[in-house]
C-alpha atoms as a PDB file:
ATOM      1  CA  MET A   1       0.176   0.231   0.283  1.00  0.00           C
ATOM      2  CA  LYS A   2       3.021   2.733   0.568  1.00  0.00           C
ATOM      3  CA  LYS A   3       4.577   1.790  -2.323  1.00  0.00           C
ATOM      4  CA  ARG A   4       1.250   2.321  -4.717  1.00  0.00           C
ATOM      5  CA  THR A   5       0.492   5.340  -2.368  1.00  0.00           C
ATOM      6  CA  ILE A   6       4.232   6.833  -3.162  1.00  0.00           C
ATOM      7  CA  THR A   7       3.860   6.267  -6.473  1.00  0.00           C
ATOM      8  CA  ALA A   8       0.659   8.059  -7.364  1.00  0.00           C
ATOM      9  CA  ILE A   9       1.609  10.947  -5.464  1.00  0.00           C
ATOM     10  CA  VAL A  10       4.622  10.480  -7.817  1.00  0.00           C
ATOM     11  CA  LEU A  11       2.602  10.535 -10.759  1.00  0.00           C
ATOM     12  CA  ALA A  12       0.797  12.873  -9.775  1.00  0.00           C
ATOM     13  CA  SER A  13       3.127  15.752  -9.334  1.00  0.00           C
ATOM     14  CA  VAL A  14       4.823  15.006 -12.808  1.00  0.00           C
ATOM     15  CA  LEU A  15       1.135  14.713 -14.432  1.00  0.00           C
ATOM     16  CA  LEU A  16      -0.874  17.631 -12.910  1.00  0.00           C
ATOM     17  CA  PRO A  17       1.333  20.192 -13.789  1.00  0.00           C
ATOM     18  CA  LEU A  18       1.466  19.379 -17.531  1.00  0.00           C
ATOM     19  CA  ILE A  19      -1.932  19.250 -18.144  1.00  0.00           C
ATOM     20  CA  ILE A  20      -3.147  22.545 -15.691  1.00  0.00           C
ATOM     21  CA  ILE A  21      -0.372  24.823 -16.954  1.00  0.00           C
ATOM     22  CA  ASP A  22      -1.920  26.255 -20.121  1.00  0.00           C
ATOM     23  CA  HIS A  23       0.533  25.400 -23.028  1.00  0.00           C
ATOM     24  CA  HIS A  24      -0.799  28.500 -25.098  1.00  0.00           C
ATOM     25  CA  THR A  25       1.446  30.409 -22.149  1.00  0.00           C
ATOM     26  CA  TYR A  26       4.425  28.003 -21.446  1.00  0.00           C
ATOM     27  CA  PRO A  27       4.266  26.370 -24.726  1.00  0.00           C
ATOM     28  CA  LEU A  28       7.403  23.961 -23.430  1.00  0.00           C
ATOM     29  CA  VAL A  29       4.255  22.708 -20.971  1.00  0.00           C
ATOM     30  CA  GLY A  30       2.787  21.047 -24.181  1.00  0.00           C
ATOM     31  CA  TYR A  31       5.355  19.972 -25.967  1.00  0.00           C
ATOM     32  CA  LEU A  32       6.439  18.213 -22.410  1.00  0.00           C
ATOM     33  CA  PHE A  33       3.326  16.346 -21.976  1.00  0.00           C
ATOM     34  CA  LEU A  34       2.624  15.255 -25.574  1.00  0.00           C
ATOM     35  CA  ALA A  35       6.544  13.782 -25.442  1.00  0.00           C
ATOM     36  CA  VAL A  36       5.046  11.980 -22.124  1.00  0.00           C
ATOM     37  CA  GLY A  37       1.971  10.609 -23.946  1.00  0.00           C
ATOM     38  CA  ILE A  38       4.066   9.340 -26.655  1.00  0.00           C
ATOM     39  CA  ILE A  39       6.128   7.524 -23.740  1.00  0.00           C
ATOM     40  CA  LEU A  40       3.442   6.333 -22.297  1.00  0.00           C
ATOM     41  CA  SER A  41       1.824   4.972 -25.870  1.00  0.00           C
ATOM     42  CA  ILE A  42       5.144   3.156 -26.577  1.00  0.00           C
ATOM     43  CA  ILE A  43       5.007   1.544 -23.284  1.00  0.00           C
ATOM     44  CA  ALA A  44       2.211   0.257 -23.239  1.00  0.00           C
ATOM     45  CA  SER A  45       1.892  -1.260 -26.671  1.00  0.00           C
ATOM     46  CA  TYR A  46       4.976  -3.105 -25.695  1.00  0.00           C
ATOM     47  CA  GLU A  47       3.517  -4.417 -22.610  1.00  0.00           C
ATOM     48  CA  MET A  48       0.323  -5.599 -24.643  1.00  0.00           C
ATOM     49  CA  ILE A  49       2.856  -7.114 -27.533  1.00  0.00           C
ATOM     50  CA  ASN A  50       5.028  -8.877 -25.091  1.00  0.00           C
ATOM     51  CA  VAL A  51       1.920 -10.511 -23.594  1.00  0.00           C
ATOM     52  CA  PHE A  52       0.768 -11.744 -27.053  1.00  0.00           C
ATOM     53  CA  TYR A  53       4.555 -12.915 -27.292  1.00  0.00           C
ATOM     54  CA  GLN A  54       5.048 -14.813 -24.756  1.00  0.00           C
ATOM     55  CA  ARG A  55       2.158 -16.714 -26.369  1.00  0.00           C
ATOM     56  CA  TYR A  56       2.515 -16.191 -30.032  1.00  0.00           C
ATOM     57  CA  PRO A  57       6.865 -15.835 -30.240  1.00  0.00           C
ATOM     58  CA  THR A  58       6.557 -15.706 -34.117  1.00  0.00           C
ATOM     59  CA  ILE A  59       5.349 -12.465 -33.217  1.00  0.00           C
ATOM     60  CA  GLY A  60       9.248 -11.752 -33.544  1.00  0.00           C
ATOM     61  CA  ARG A  61      10.602  -8.023 -34.582  1.00  0.00           C
ATOM     62  CA  LEU A  62       6.941  -6.862 -34.312  1.00  0.00           C
ATOM     63  CA  ARG A  63       6.892  -6.249 -30.696  1.00  0.00           C
ATOM     64  CA  TYR A  64       9.922  -3.812 -31.231  1.00  0.00           C
ATOM     65  CA  LEU A  65       8.151  -1.679 -34.443  1.00  0.00           C
ATOM     66  CA  ILE A  66       4.448  -1.719 -33.439  1.00  0.00           C
ATOM     67  CA  PRO A  67       5.233   0.748 -30.149  1.00  0.00           C
ATOM     68  CA  PHE A  68       7.276   2.952 -32.525  1.00  0.00           C
ATOM     69  CA  MET A  69       3.742   2.856 -34.548  1.00  0.00           C
ATOM     70  CA  SER A  70       1.702   3.821 -31.569  1.00  0.00           C
ATOM     71  CA  GLY A  71       4.010   6.708 -30.777  1.00  0.00           C
ATOM     72  CA  SER A  72       3.625   7.832 -34.100  1.00  0.00           C
ATOM     73  CA  LEU A  73      -0.258   7.509 -34.271  1.00  0.00           C
ATOM     74  CA  VAL A  74      -0.331   9.453 -31.047  1.00  0.00           C
ATOM     75  CA  TYR A  75       1.931  12.703 -32.772  1.00  0.00           C
ATOM     76  CA  THR A  76      -0.229  12.639 -35.467  1.00  0.00           C
ATOM     77  CA  ILE A  77      -3.688  12.940 -33.641  1.00  0.00           C
ATOM     78  CA  TYR A  78      -2.123  15.957 -31.565  1.00  0.00           C
ATOM     79  CA  LEU A  79      -1.330  17.456 -34.986  1.00  0.00           C
ATOM     80  CA  ALA A  80      -5.237  16.855 -35.865  1.00  0.00           C
ATOM     81  CA  THR A  81      -5.843  17.821 -32.441  1.00  0.00           C
ATOM     82  CA  THR A  82      -4.180  20.958 -32.267  1.00  0.00           C
ATOM     83  CA  GLN A  83      -5.226  22.923 -35.769  1.00  0.00           C
ATOM     84  CA  GLY A  84      -8.463  24.549 -36.639  1.00  0.00           C
ATOM     85  CA  LEU A  85     -11.542  23.344 -37.740  1.00  0.00           C
ATOM     86  CA  ASP A  86     -13.592  24.398 -40.885  1.00  0.00           C
ATOM     87  CA  ILE A  87     -15.451  22.075 -42.779  1.00  0.00           C
ATOM     88  CA  SER A  88     -16.000  24.525 -45.674  1.00  0.00           C
ATOM     89  CA  ASP A  89     -12.374  24.271 -46.511  1.00  0.00           C
ATOM     90  CA  PRO A  90     -11.322  20.824 -47.368  1.00  0.00           C
ATOM     91  CA  THR A  91      -7.749  21.789 -47.376  1.00  0.00           C
ATOM     92  CA  ASN A  92      -7.607  22.738 -43.575  1.00  0.00           C
ATOM     93  CA  ALA A  93      -5.398  21.270 -41.771  1.00  0.00           C
ATOM     94  CA  ASN A  94      -7.536  19.555 -39.469  1.00  0.00           C
ATOM     95  CA  THR A  95      -9.314  17.361 -41.487  1.00  0.00           C
ATOM     96  CA  VAL A  96      -5.870  16.727 -43.037  1.00  0.00           C
ATOM     97  CA  TYR A  97      -4.632  15.202 -40.468  1.00  0.00           C
ATOM     98  CA  HIS A  98      -7.401  13.004 -39.547  1.00  0.00           C
ATOM     99  CA  LEU A  99      -6.993  11.589 -42.869  1.00  0.00           C
ATOM    100  CA  LEU A 100      -3.470  11.110 -42.314  1.00  0.00           C
ATOM    101  CA  THR A 101      -4.032   9.502 -38.942  1.00  0.00           C
ATOM    102  CA  MET A 102      -6.377   6.764 -40.626  1.00  0.00           C
ATOM    103  CA  GLY A 103      -4.853   6.375 -43.722  1.00  0.00           C
ATOM    104  CA  LEU A 104      -1.703   5.553 -41.262  1.00  0.00           C
ATOM    105  CA  PHE A 105      -3.400   3.568 -38.997  1.00  0.00           C
ATOM    106  CA  ILE A 106      -4.526   1.260 -42.090  1.00  0.00           C
ATOM    107  CA  ALA A 107      -1.020   1.280 -43.848  1.00  0.00           C
ATOM    108  CA  TYR A 108       0.422  -0.061 -40.125  1.00  0.00           C
ATOM    109  CA  VAL A 109      -2.192  -2.626 -40.322  1.00  0.00           C
ATOM    110  CA  ILE A 110      -1.690  -3.969 -43.868  1.00  0.00           C
ATOM    111  CA  PHE A 111       1.988  -4.292 -43.214  1.00  0.00           C
ATOM    112  CA  VAL A 112       1.729  -5.835 -39.932  1.00  0.00           C
ATOM    113  CA  LEU A 113      -0.656  -8.179 -41.872  1.00  0.00           C
ATOM    114  CA  GLY A 114       2.181  -8.926 -44.323  1.00  0.00           C
ATOM    115  CA  TYR A 115       4.756  -9.218 -42.003  1.00  0.00           C
ATOM    116  CA  THR A 116       3.095 -12.180 -40.687  1.00  0.00           C
ATOM    117  CA  VAL A 117       1.919 -13.991 -43.788  1.00  0.00           C
ATOM    118  CA  PHE A 118       5.681 -14.225 -44.714  1.00  0.00           C
ATOM    119  CA  THR A 119       6.613 -15.111 -41.264  1.00  0.00           C
ATOM    120  CA  GLU A 120       7.018 -18.914 -40.753  1.00  0.00           C
ATOM    121  CA  ASN A 121       5.025 -21.033 -38.629  1.00  0.00           C
ATOM    122  CA  SER A 122       2.651 -18.036 -37.376  1.00  0.00           C
ATOM    123  CA  SER A 123      -0.504 -17.778 -37.505  1.00  0.00           C
ATOM    124  CA  ALA A 124      -3.819 -15.425 -37.566  1.00  0.00           C
ATOM    125  CA  ASN A 125      -3.373 -14.646 -33.765  1.00  0.00           C
ATOM    126  CA  ASN A 126      -0.285 -13.354 -34.337  1.00  0.00           C
ATOM    127  CA  MET A 127      -2.470 -10.595 -36.907  1.00  0.00           C
ATOM    128  CA  MET A 128      -5.190 -10.428 -34.686  1.00  0.00           C
ATOM    129  CA  ALA A 129      -2.415  -9.601 -31.759  1.00  0.00           C
ATOM    130  CA  ALA A 130      -0.305  -6.992 -33.556  1.00  0.00           C
ATOM    131  CA  VAL A 131      -3.597  -5.291 -34.999  1.00  0.00           C
ATOM    132  CA  LEU A 132      -5.089  -4.776 -31.355  1.00  0.00           C
ATOM    133  CA  THR A 133      -2.099  -3.541 -29.945  1.00  0.00           C
ATOM    134  CA  LEU A 134      -1.848  -0.635 -32.780  1.00  0.00           C
ATOM    135  CA  THR A 135      -5.659  -0.364 -31.981  1.00  0.00           C
ATOM    136  CA  TYR A 136      -5.787   0.001 -28.563  1.00  0.00           C
ATOM    137  CA  CYS A 137      -2.103   1.978 -27.509  1.00  0.00           C
ATOM    138  CA  GLY A 138      -2.089   3.788 -30.835  1.00  0.00           C
ATOM    139  CA  LEU A 139      -5.328   5.072 -31.926  1.00  0.00           C
ATOM    140  CA  VAL A 140      -7.446   4.719 -29.025  1.00  0.00           C
ATOM    141  CA  MET A 141      -5.553   5.842 -26.591  1.00  0.00           C
ATOM    142  CA  GLY A 142      -4.020   8.430 -28.753  1.00  0.00           C
ATOM    143  CA  PHE A 143      -7.112  10.230 -28.499  1.00  0.00           C
ATOM    144  CA  VAL A 144      -7.179  10.057 -24.813  1.00  0.00           C
ATOM    145  CA  ILE A 145      -3.980  11.862 -24.677  1.00  0.00           C
ATOM    146  CA  ASN A 146      -4.549  14.873 -27.257  1.00  0.00           C
ATOM    147  CA  ILE A 147      -8.056  15.516 -24.634  1.00  0.00           C
ATOM    148  CA  ARG A 148      -5.147  17.839 -22.961  1.00  0.00           C
ATOM    149  CA  PHE A 149      -4.990  19.662 -26.119  1.00  0.00           C
ATOM    150  CA  LEU A 150      -8.942  20.409 -26.911  1.00  0.00           C
ATOM    151  CA  GLU A 151      -9.598  24.113 -27.369  1.00  0.00           C
ATOM    152  CA  PRO A 152     -13.225  25.898 -27.304  1.00  0.00           C
ATOM    153  CA  PHE A 153     -15.077  25.966 -30.059  1.00  0.00           C
ATOM    154  CA  PRO A 154     -15.818  29.633 -31.877  1.00  0.00           C
ATOM    155  CA  ASP A 155     -19.182  29.393 -32.009  1.00  0.00           C
ATOM    156  CA  ALA A 156     -20.559  27.724 -29.272  1.00  0.00           C
ATOM    157  CA  ASN A 157     -21.245  30.985 -27.640  1.00  0.00           C
ATOM    158  CA  GLY A 158     -19.827  30.266 -24.068  1.00  0.00           C
ATOM    159  CA  LEU A 159     -22.441  27.451 -23.306  1.00  0.00           C
ATOM    160  CA  ILE A 160     -19.687  24.420 -23.733  1.00  0.00           C
ATOM    161  CA  PHE A 161     -16.229  24.980 -22.974  1.00  0.00           C
ATOM    162  CA  PHE A 162     -13.818  22.064 -23.694  1.00  0.00           C
ATOM    163  CA  ARG A 163     -10.221  22.638 -22.829  1.00  0.00           C
ATOM    164  CA  GLY A 164      -7.744  20.146 -21.931  1.00  0.00           C
ATOM    165  CA  GLY A 165      -7.635  20.176 -18.302  1.00  0.00           C
ATOM    166  CA  ARG A 166     -11.372  20.835 -17.798  1.00  0.00           C
ATOM    167  CA  SER A 167     -11.494  17.939 -19.697  1.00  0.00           C
ATOM    168  CA  PHE A 168      -9.454  15.890 -18.175  1.00  0.00           C
ATOM    169  CA  GLY A 169     -10.925  16.628 -14.367  1.00  0.00           C
ATOM    170  CA  TYR A 170     -14.305  16.388 -15.657  1.00  0.00           C
ATOM    171  CA  LEU A 171     -13.741  12.747 -17.422  1.00  0.00           C
ATOM    172  CA  TYR A 172     -11.224  11.581 -13.966  1.00  0.00           C
ATOM    173  CA  THR A 173     -13.770  12.677 -11.628  1.00  0.00           C
ATOM    174  CA  ILE A 174     -16.157  10.613 -13.938  1.00  0.00           C
ATOM    175  CA  VAL A 175     -13.778   7.707 -13.990  1.00  0.00           C
ATOM    176  CA  ALA A 176     -13.218   7.953 -10.118  1.00  0.00           C
ATOM    177  CA  LEU A 177     -16.269   7.758  -8.634  1.00  0.00           C
ATOM    178  CA  THR A 178     -17.637   5.093 -11.413  1.00  0.00           C
ATOM    179  CA  ASP A 179     -14.919   3.232  -9.870  1.00  0.00           C
ATOM    180  CA  ILE A 180     -15.425   3.838  -6.493  1.00  0.00           C
ATOM    181  CA  PHE A 181     -19.107   3.315  -5.953  1.00  0.00           C
ATOM    182  CA  ALA A 182     -19.089   0.250  -8.483  1.00  0.00           C
ATOM    183  CA  TYR A 183     -15.926  -0.851  -5.572  1.00  0.00           C
ATOM    184  CA  PHE A 184     -17.612  -0.365  -2.638  1.00  0.00           C
ATOM    185  CA  ILE A 185     -21.447  -0.961  -3.363  1.00  0.00           C
ATOM    186  CA  GLY A 186     -20.574  -4.123  -4.888  1.00  0.00           C
ATOM    187  CA  SER A 187     -18.627  -5.173  -1.902  1.00  0.00           C
ATOM    188  CA  LYS A 188     -21.203  -4.588   0.480  1.00  0.00           C
ATOM    189  CA  PHE A 189     -24.295  -5.296  -1.303  1.00  0.00           C
ATOM    190  CA  GLY A 190     -23.004  -7.083  -4.471  1.00  0.00           C
ATOM    191  CA  LYS A 191     -25.483 -10.349  -4.997  1.00  0.00           C
ATOM    192  CA  ARG A 192     -25.341 -11.483  -8.964  1.00  0.00           C
ATOM    193  CA  LYS A 193     -21.929 -11.731 -10.609  1.00  0.00           C
ATOM    194  CA  LEU A 194     -21.173  -9.306 -13.236  1.00  0.00           C
ATOM    195  CA  CYS A 195     -18.874 -10.937 -15.515  1.00  0.00           C
ATOM    196  CA  PRO A 196     -17.490 -14.329 -13.121  1.00  0.00           C
ATOM    197  CA  GLU A 197     -15.284 -15.777 -15.821  1.00  0.00           C
ATOM    198  CA  ILE A 198     -13.560 -12.317 -16.338  1.00  0.00           C
ATOM    199  CA  SER A 199     -13.617 -10.788 -12.826  1.00  0.00           C
ATOM    200  CA  PRO A 200     -15.184 -12.472 -10.237  1.00  0.00           C
ATOM    201  CA  LYS A 201     -15.716  -9.782  -7.778  1.00  0.00           C
ATOM    202  CA  LYS A 202     -17.499  -7.711  -9.938  1.00  0.00           C
ATOM    203  CA  SER A 203     -21.155  -7.643  -9.513  1.00  0.00           C
ATOM    204  CA  VAL A 204     -24.330  -6.605 -11.495  1.00  0.00           C
ATOM    205  CA  GLU A 205     -25.626  -4.221  -8.372  1.00  0.00           C
ATOM    206  CA  GLY A 206     -21.757  -2.666  -7.727  1.00  0.00           C
ATOM    207  CA  ALA A 207     -21.752  -1.614 -11.880  1.00  0.00           C
ATOM    208  CA  ILE A 208     -24.930  -0.153 -11.089  1.00  0.00           C
ATOM    209  CA  ALA A 209     -24.263   2.286  -8.688  1.00  0.00           C
ATOM    210  CA  GLY A 210     -20.640   3.198 -10.566  1.00  0.00           C
ATOM    211  CA  LEU A 211     -23.098   3.742 -13.198  1.00  0.00           C
ATOM    212  CA  ILE A 212     -25.274   6.061 -11.745  1.00  0.00           C
ATOM    213  CA  ALA A 213     -22.612   7.629  -9.722  1.00  0.00           C
ATOM    214  CA  GLY A 214     -20.310   8.187 -12.643  1.00  0.00           C
ATOM    215  CA  SER A 215     -23.191  10.335 -14.416  1.00  0.00           C
ATOM    216  CA  LEU A 216     -24.408  12.312 -11.338  1.00  0.00           C
ATOM    217  CA  PHE A 217     -20.872  13.461 -10.235  1.00  0.00           C
ATOM    218  CA  GLY A 218     -20.036  13.897 -14.108  1.00  0.00           C
ATOM    219  CA  VAL A 219     -23.267  16.191 -14.145  1.00  0.00           C
ATOM    220  CA  ALA A 220     -21.832  18.125 -10.880  1.00  0.00           C
ATOM    221  CA  ALA A 221     -18.302  17.782 -12.842  1.00  0.00           C
ATOM    222  CA  ALA A 222     -19.689  19.788 -15.825  1.00  0.00           C
ATOM    223  CA  PHE A 223     -20.139  22.782 -13.955  1.00  0.00           C
ATOM    224  CA  VAL A 224     -17.636  22.615 -11.112  1.00  0.00           C
ATOM    225  CA  PHE A 225     -14.552  22.573 -14.092  1.00  0.00           C
ATOM    226  CA  ARG A 226     -17.010  24.995 -16.053  1.00  0.00           C
ATOM    227  CA  ILE A 227     -17.163  22.630 -19.231  1.00  0.00           C
ATOM    228  CA  VAL A 228     -21.105  23.773 -19.000  1.00  0.00           C
ATOM    229  CA  ASN A 229     -22.017  27.445 -18.703  1.00  0.00           C
ATOM    230  CA  PRO A 230     -25.856  28.024 -19.528  1.00  0.00           C
ATOM    231  CA  ALA A 231     -27.061  31.459 -19.724  1.00  0.00           C
ATOM    232  CA  ASP A 232     -30.832  31.170 -19.181  1.00  0.00           C
ATOM    233  CA  THR A 233     -33.192  28.308 -17.349  1.00  0.00           C
ATOM    234  CA  LYS A 234     -33.174  26.490 -21.057  1.00  0.00           C
ATOM    235  CA  GLU A 235     -30.091  26.159 -21.788  1.00  0.00           C
ATOM    236  CA  LEU A 236     -29.403  24.900 -17.770  1.00  0.00           C
ATOM    237  CA  ILE A 237     -32.008  22.041 -18.783  1.00  0.00           C
ATOM    238  CA  LEU A 238     -30.237  21.379 -21.828  1.00  0.00           C
ATOM    239  CA  VAL A 239     -26.836  21.177 -20.323  1.00  0.00           C
ATOM    240  CA  ILE A 240     -28.061  18.895 -17.591  1.00  0.00           C
ATOM    241  CA  VAL A 241     -30.025  16.570 -19.671  1.00  0.00           C
ATOM    242  CA  GLY A 242     -26.744  16.603 -22.397  1.00  0.00           C
ATOM    243  CA  SER A 243     -24.231  16.486 -19.317  1.00  0.00           C
ATOM    244  CA  PHE A 244     -26.225  13.513 -17.910  1.00  0.00           C
ATOM    245  CA  LEU A 245     -26.430  11.449 -20.773  1.00  0.00           C
ATOM    246  CA  ILE A 246     -22.588  11.569 -21.684  1.00  0.00           C
ATOM    247  CA  SER A 247     -21.554  11.223 -18.515  1.00  0.00           C
ATOM    248  CA  MET A 248     -23.775   7.887 -17.935  1.00  0.00           C
ATOM    249  CA  LEU A 249     -22.154   6.761 -21.623  1.00  0.00           C
ATOM    250  CA  LEU A 250     -18.721   7.488 -20.317  1.00  0.00           C
ATOM    251  CA  SER A 251     -19.358   6.017 -17.187  1.00  0.00           C
ATOM    252  CA  PHE A 252     -20.459   2.883 -19.282  1.00  0.00           C
ATOM    253  CA  THR A 253     -17.035   2.860 -21.207  1.00  0.00           C
ATOM    254  CA  VAL A 254     -15.060   3.310 -17.552  1.00  0.00           C
ATOM    255  CA  GLN A 255     -16.450  -0.147 -16.720  1.00  0.00           C
ATOM    256  CA  ILE A 256     -16.094  -2.005 -20.447  1.00  0.00           C
ATOM    257  CA  GLY A 257     -12.662  -0.336 -20.720  1.00  0.00           C
ATOM    258  CA  ASP A 258     -11.713  -2.167 -17.416  1.00  0.00           C
ATOM    259  CA  LEU A 259     -13.325  -5.707 -17.871  1.00  0.00           C
ATOM    260  CA  VAL A 260     -11.598  -5.684 -21.592  1.00  0.00           C
ATOM    261  CA  ALA A 261      -8.080  -5.445 -19.446  1.00  0.00           C
ATOM    262  CA  SER A 262      -8.893  -8.117 -17.046  1.00  0.00           C
ATOM    263  CA  LYS A 263     -10.170 -10.085 -20.242  1.00  0.00           C
ATOM    264  CA  ILE A 264      -7.092 -10.568 -21.878  1.00  0.00           C
ATOM    265  CA  LYS A 265      -4.762 -10.691 -18.738  1.00  0.00           C
ATOM    266  CA  ARG A 266      -7.278 -13.766 -17.666  1.00  0.00           C
ATOM    267  CA  THR A 267      -7.098 -14.858 -21.112  1.00  0.00           C
ATOM    268  CA  TYR A 268      -3.014 -14.664 -20.785  1.00  0.00           C
ATOM    269  CA  ASP A 269      -2.924 -15.502 -17.359  1.00  0.00           C
ATOM    270  CA  ILE A 270      -0.873 -12.971 -15.655  1.00  0.00           C
ATOM    271  CA  LYS A 271      -1.251 -10.371 -13.075  1.00  0.00           C
ATOM    272  CA  ASP A 272      -0.419  -7.119 -14.517  1.00  0.00           C
ATOM    273  CA  PHE A 273       0.710  -5.892 -18.131  1.00  0.00           C
ATOM    274  CA  GLY A 274       4.225  -4.703 -16.708  1.00  0.00           C
ATOM    275  CA  ASN A 275       5.644  -3.295 -13.751  1.00  0.00           C
ATOM    276  CA  VAL A 276       6.788   0.432 -14.719  1.00  0.00           C
ATOM    277  CA  PHE A 277       4.856   1.820 -11.863  1.00  0.00           C
ATOM    278  CA  PRO A 278       5.535   0.432  -8.678  1.00  0.00           C
ATOM    279  CA  GLY A 279       2.184  -0.986  -7.007  1.00  0.00           C
ATOM    280  CA  HIS A 280       0.539  -0.321  -9.721  1.00  0.00           C
ATOM    281  CA  GLY A 281       1.789  -2.545 -12.347  1.00  0.00           C
ATOM    282  CA  GLY A 282       1.848  -1.188 -15.866  1.00  0.00           C
ATOM    283  CA  VAL A 283       0.550   1.791 -17.823  1.00  0.00           C
ATOM    284  CA  LEU A 284      -2.142  -0.537 -19.569  1.00  0.00           C
ATOM    285  CA  ASP A 285      -2.962  -1.267 -15.626  1.00  0.00           C
ATOM    286  CA  ARG A 286      -2.756   2.146 -13.900  1.00  0.00           C
ATOM    287  CA  PHE A 287      -5.154   3.514 -17.040  1.00  0.00           C
ATOM    288  CA  ASP A 288      -7.244   0.914 -18.148  1.00  0.00           C
ATOM    289  CA  SER A 289     -10.432   2.473 -17.056  1.00  0.00           C
ATOM    290  CA  LEU A 290      -9.330   5.261 -18.927  1.00  0.00           C
ATOM    291  CA  ILE A 291      -8.454   4.476 -21.959  1.00  0.00           C
ATOM    292  CA  PHE A 292     -11.876   3.827 -23.588  1.00  0.00           C
ATOM    293  CA  SER A 293     -13.980   6.678 -21.907  1.00  0.00           C
ATOM    294  CA  GLY A 294     -11.213   8.997 -22.701  1.00  0.00           C
ATOM    295  CA  ALA A 295     -11.598   7.648 -26.325  1.00  0.00           C
ATOM    296  CA  VAL A 296     -15.369   8.249 -26.602  1.00  0.00           C
ATOM    297  CA  TYR A 297     -15.368  11.191 -24.846  1.00  0.00           C
ATOM    298  CA  TYR A 298     -12.950  12.711 -27.430  1.00  0.00           C
ATOM    299  CA  ILE A 299     -14.916  11.528 -30.507  1.00  0.00           C
ATOM    300  CA  ILE A 300     -18.169  13.127 -28.809  1.00  0.00           C
ATOM    301  CA  VAL A 301     -16.511  16.495 -28.644  1.00  0.00           C
ATOM    302  CA  LEU A 302     -14.984  15.950 -32.306  1.00  0.00           C
ATOM    303  CA  ILE A 303     -18.550  15.116 -33.328  1.00  0.00           C
ATOM    304  CA  LEU A 304     -20.126  18.185 -31.744  1.00  0.00           C
ATOM    305  CA  GLN A 305     -17.423  20.510 -32.882  1.00  0.00           C
ATOM    306  CA  ILE A 306     -18.295  19.480 -36.742  1.00  0.00           C
ATOM    307  CA  CYS A 307     -22.004  20.182 -35.930  1.00  0.00           C
ATOM    308  CA  TYR A 308     -20.999  23.769 -34.641  1.00  0.00           C
ATOM    309  CA  SER A 309     -18.901  24.285 -37.710  1.00  0.00           C
ATOM    310  CA  TRP A 310     -22.108  22.922 -39.934  1.00  0.00           C
END
């Protein structure tokens, strides 16, 4: 417990300043956060592909190549996030970089599939392992990392104000309260097992409690972190309903992300993906609940951004 607490304090002391400090005023902060994010993606990719490698050693050199492919995807998503969006201009950098990200991802998938085909004694399991790692640790994790660089919509009239630090505060509130209530309510009142073959301790009662808590506290967090700024009663009702539904979706994906990580660990009979964080395990162990919900949050913001541009 002591080791786990010390690790959490060190992580917070490193990440919080990089999230909170305005990167427009201090550009170095933004570059440092991006560098840390890319490093985390590379480590996470190695953790995941190495788990598969233990079962399928014919993965071979891909376990060294895929982590750097994942890191490059994080960088192209950064380029897409930090450029302006103007749907009327098809040459706009934002659109171009999002297309570049998807093109690069597809090119990587084709490469790893081709590599596997021409590797002696390899199987379709190698293909699936490589594609899953690229998707999970490169594309999906890349969206989460680049929440840091989200900016307010120019045409939102102050109603919604998505910005990196505020967004992380809102999102992490949902992640933390979902996990806390699911654990404590499930431990005390849980009767029906949620997924006993994956995680025997999780219960339906705990999952429901986590979903309700994540949704309600998510609404409160949207106001606390000033993600929403209603000007009248009509807008107040709109943002309460909207933030509740979005928070519920995010709370649901928090639990899905946790179960997905548990499923992989259970399948390959491992306790942790890695040991880079003493007391917490690896990068994937520490951030498993955040990865799916963060990616969904990023996509929701992107969709809203496109709607406002229209």
